C-alpha atoms as a PDB file:
ATOM      1  CA  UNK A   1     136.389  71.111 119.369  1.00  0.00           C
ATOM      2  CA  UNK A   2     133.273  72.423 121.112  1.00  0.00           C
ATOM      3  CA  UNK A   3     129.967  71.959 120.250  1.00  0.00           C
ATOM      4  CA  UNK A   4     129.641  76.117 119.126  1.00  0.00           C
ATOM      5  CA  UNK A   5     132.698  75.690 116.795  1.00  0.00           C
ATOM      6  CA  UNK A   6     131.062  72.660 115.196  1.00  0.00           C
ATOM      7  CA  UNK A   7     128.355  74.471 114.415  1.00  0.00           C
ATOM      8  CA  UNK A   8     130.120  77.316 113.220  1.00  0.00           C
ATOM      9  CA  UNK A   9     131.972  75.691 111.076  1.00  0.00           C
ATOM     10  CA  UNK A  10     129.030  73.982 109.565  1.00  0.00           C
ATOM     11  CA  UNK A  11     127.781  77.665 109.387  1.00  0.00           C
ATOM     12  CA  UNK A  12     130.277  78.349 107.085  1.00  0.00           C
ATOM     13  CA  UNK A  13     130.686  75.695 104.946  1.00  0.00           C
ATOM     14  CA  UNK A  14     127.184  75.755 104.669  1.00  0.00           C
ATOM     15  CA  UNK A  15     126.729  78.936 103.082  1.00  0.00           C
ATOM     16  CA  UNK A  16     130.034  78.091 101.438  1.00  0.00           C
ATOM     17  CA  UNK A  17     128.193  75.787  99.221  1.00  0.00           C
ATOM     18  CA  UNK A  18     125.425  78.182  99.316  1.00  0.00           C
ATOM     19  CA  UNK A  19     128.063  80.620  96.622  1.00  0.00           C
ATOM     20  CA  UNK A  20     129.195  78.368  95.129  1.00  0.00           C
ATOM     21  CA  UNK A  21     125.802  77.015  93.545  1.00  0.00           C
ATOM     22  CA  UNK A  22     125.365  80.286  93.457  1.00  0.00           C
ATOM     23  CA  UNK A  23     128.413  81.165  91.103  1.00  0.00           C
ATOM     24  CA  UNK A  24     128.036  78.144  89.213  1.00  0.00           C
ATOM     25  CA  UNK A  25     125.004  79.099  88.859  1.00  0.00           C
ATOM     26  CA  UNK A  26     125.477  82.455  87.413  1.00  0.00           C
ATOM     27  CA  UNK A  27     128.082  80.963  84.932  1.00  0.00           C
ATOM     28  CA  UNK A  28     125.298  79.054  82.820  1.00  0.00           C
ATOM     29  CA  UNK A  29     122.355  82.054  83.071  1.00  0.00           C
ATOM     30  CA  UNK A  30     122.768  84.369  80.272  1.00  0.00           C
ATOM     31  CA  UNK A  31     119.396  85.976  80.689  1.00  0.00           C
ATOM     32  CA  UNK A  32     116.898  87.264  83.100  1.00  0.00           C
ATOM     33  CA  UNK A  33     114.992  84.459  80.656  1.00  0.00           C
ATOM     34  CA  UNK A  34     116.489  82.053  81.259  1.00  0.00           C
ATOM     35  CA  UNK A  35     116.505  82.691  85.319  1.00  0.00           C
ATOM     36  CA  UNK A  36     112.818  82.504  85.561  1.00  0.00           C
ATOM     37  CA  UNK A  37     111.746  80.496  82.964  1.00  0.00           C
ATOM     38  CA  UNK A  38     114.805  77.605  84.037  1.00  0.00           C
ATOM     39  CA  UNK A  39     115.791  77.794  80.414  1.00  0.00           C
ATOM     40  CA  UNK A  40     113.607  76.328  79.413  1.00  0.00           C
ATOM     41  CA  UNK A  41     115.270  72.608  80.506  1.00  0.00           C
ATOM     42  CA  UNK A  42     112.715  71.262  83.376  1.00  0.00           C
ATOM     43  CA  UNK A  43     110.301  69.434  82.529  1.00  0.00           C
ATOM     44  CA  UNK A  44     106.389  69.474  83.087  1.00  0.00           C
ATOM     45  CA  UNK A  45     106.529  67.683  86.515  1.00  0.00           C
ATOM     46  CA  UNK A  46     109.014  69.328  88.103  1.00  0.00           C
ATOM     47  CA  UNK A  47     107.438  73.047  87.374  1.00  0.00           C
ATOM     48  CA  UNK A  48     103.693  71.441  88.679  1.00  0.00           C
ATOM     49  CA  UNK A  49     105.059  70.322  91.866  1.00  0.00           C
ATOM     50  CA  UNK A  50     106.835  73.275  92.920  1.00  0.00           C
ATOM     51  CA  UNK A  51     103.913  75.105  91.826  1.00  0.00           C
ATOM     52  CA  UNK A  52     102.308  73.389  94.301  1.00  0.00           C
ATOM     53  CA  UNK A  53     104.580  73.669  96.842  1.00  0.00           C
ATOM     54  CA  UNK A  54     104.781  77.226  96.702  1.00  0.00           C
ATOM     55  CA  UNK A  55     100.840  78.012  96.576  1.00  0.00           C
ATOM     56  CA  UNK A  56     100.126  75.550 100.360  1.00  0.00           C
ATOM     57  CA  UNK A  57     102.918  76.971 101.634  1.00  0.00           C
ATOM     58  CA  UNK A  58     101.843  80.731 101.496  1.00  0.00           C
ATOM     59  CA  UNK A  59      97.723  79.418 101.521  1.00  0.00           C
ATOM     60  CA  UNK A  60      99.340  77.711 105.129  1.00  0.00           C
ATOM     61  CA  UNK A  61     101.014  80.510 106.528  1.00  0.00           C
ATOM     62  CA  UNK A  62      98.257  83.443 105.784  1.00  0.00           C
ATOM     63  CA  UNK A  63      95.282  80.600 106.217  1.00  0.00           C
ATOM     64  CA  UNK A  64      96.918  79.322 108.731  1.00  0.00           C
ATOM     65  CA  UNK A  65      97.252  82.868 110.535  1.00  0.00           C
ATOM     66  CA  UNK A  66      93.508  84.160 109.553  1.00  0.00           C
ATOM     67  CA  UNK A  67      92.591  80.431 111.461  1.00  0.00           C
ATOM     68  CA  UNK A  68      94.584  81.077 114.539  1.00  0.00           C
ATOM     69  CA  UNK A  69      92.801  84.653 114.867  1.00  0.00           C
ATOM     70  CA  UNK A  70      89.177  83.834 114.079  1.00  0.00           C
ATOM     71  CA  UNK A  71      88.526  80.804 116.442  1.00  0.00           C
ATOM     72  CA  UNK A  72      91.314  80.855 118.151  1.00  0.00           C
ATOM     73  CA  UNK A  73      95.284  79.950 118.555  1.00  0.00           C
ATOM     74  CA  UNK A  74      94.349  76.778 119.696  1.00  0.00           C
ATOM     75  CA  UNK A  75      93.395  75.738 116.808  1.00  0.00           C
ATOM     76  CA  UNK A  76      96.642  76.411 115.098  1.00  0.00           C
END
């Protein structure tokens, strides 16, 4: 098996796992509210950490581009 074939096999395996998790999750979700709030089973720590991760990710993407535009690419 060549490296390319191994990479393609891993890619298909990854896509298969993602599809399996998606199907499993879809069967457990009863409504849109369950999907959005996680069925009220997610604790405050996980919710807080996910909010912080999303916030800082967007701040870095938007702010990093603006900072690079204002001060030059060497600062990025």
